[in-house]
Amino acid sequence: MPRPKKKSLSGRSKNAAAVTPRAERPPKYGGRRAPSPARQLRDRAVQVARILIDEYPQAKTALKHKSALQLLVATILAAQCTDVRVNMVTKELFKKYKTAADFAEAKQSVLEKEIHSTGFFRQKARSIVECCRDIVQKFGGRVPDTMEDLTSLRGVGRKTANVILGNYYGRPAYVVDTHVKRLSQRLGFTKSRNPDAIEQDVTKLLPENLWTPFSDALIYHGRAVCVARKPKCRICVVASLCPSAVYD
């Protein structure tokens, strides 16, 4: 006569396979287990980036330039100023100052008058003169092409360096201006308000080849659709992927 199977304290057969109740199982995605929250965030970020890059294929810096030096100077002038105004000023400025040495030797009081309409002209003039002196003394007059070297220049931070790296040298760079900061937060890609931390948070989610075109596209999208006061969520191409979308 066969011996009865022993039961555990739970009442189940000792030899019975443990089965997770259906209600306790994680949801499946196409027959697969759900990806981790971190993976879902990365997937969403890539999807948003690709959609916006396709939406704004023309997205690139609006600052007119023909060299890394011109873009560097224009970017410094663009702080708290419109690109249109900067382009008006640099049109004549770049005719007079053609090299880093020209800017390095400029009389600051004269340069201040020439860039006065861009605002914060004293600070900007000082930054331009001092960083160009560093370019001449440390790099032989050539604007460097690495983050470390660019940020070693007086008056040059990560934002300015990223503009040069991404838009002139074609290096992976994520520029965090006021629009990129706002949209990165609204899209749920970062909780930080610090530009450097935002750059770190978002670039961890994306492959390097998307950094520059995505940040450029965010700037265009921030100006046209995801504006500061009342975003136009009804016409936003990524509204279905945005946790902040509101349809009034």
Foldseek 3Di string as FASTA:
>chain_A
DDDDFDADPVRHGPPDDDDDPPVPAADADVNHHDDDPLLVLLVLLAVVLVVLCVVCVVQADPADDDALLSLLLLVLLQVQADSVLSNVLVVVVCVQQVFLVSLLPDDLVVQLVSSVVSPPSNLSSVLSNQQSVCCCVPPVRHQDQDQVSQCVGRPGDLLSNLSSNCRPVVFQGAHDDPQNLVVCVQQPQDPDNDRVVSRVSSPVSDDSNSRRSSNSSSVVCCVPAVDDPDGNLVPDPCNVNTPNRDDD
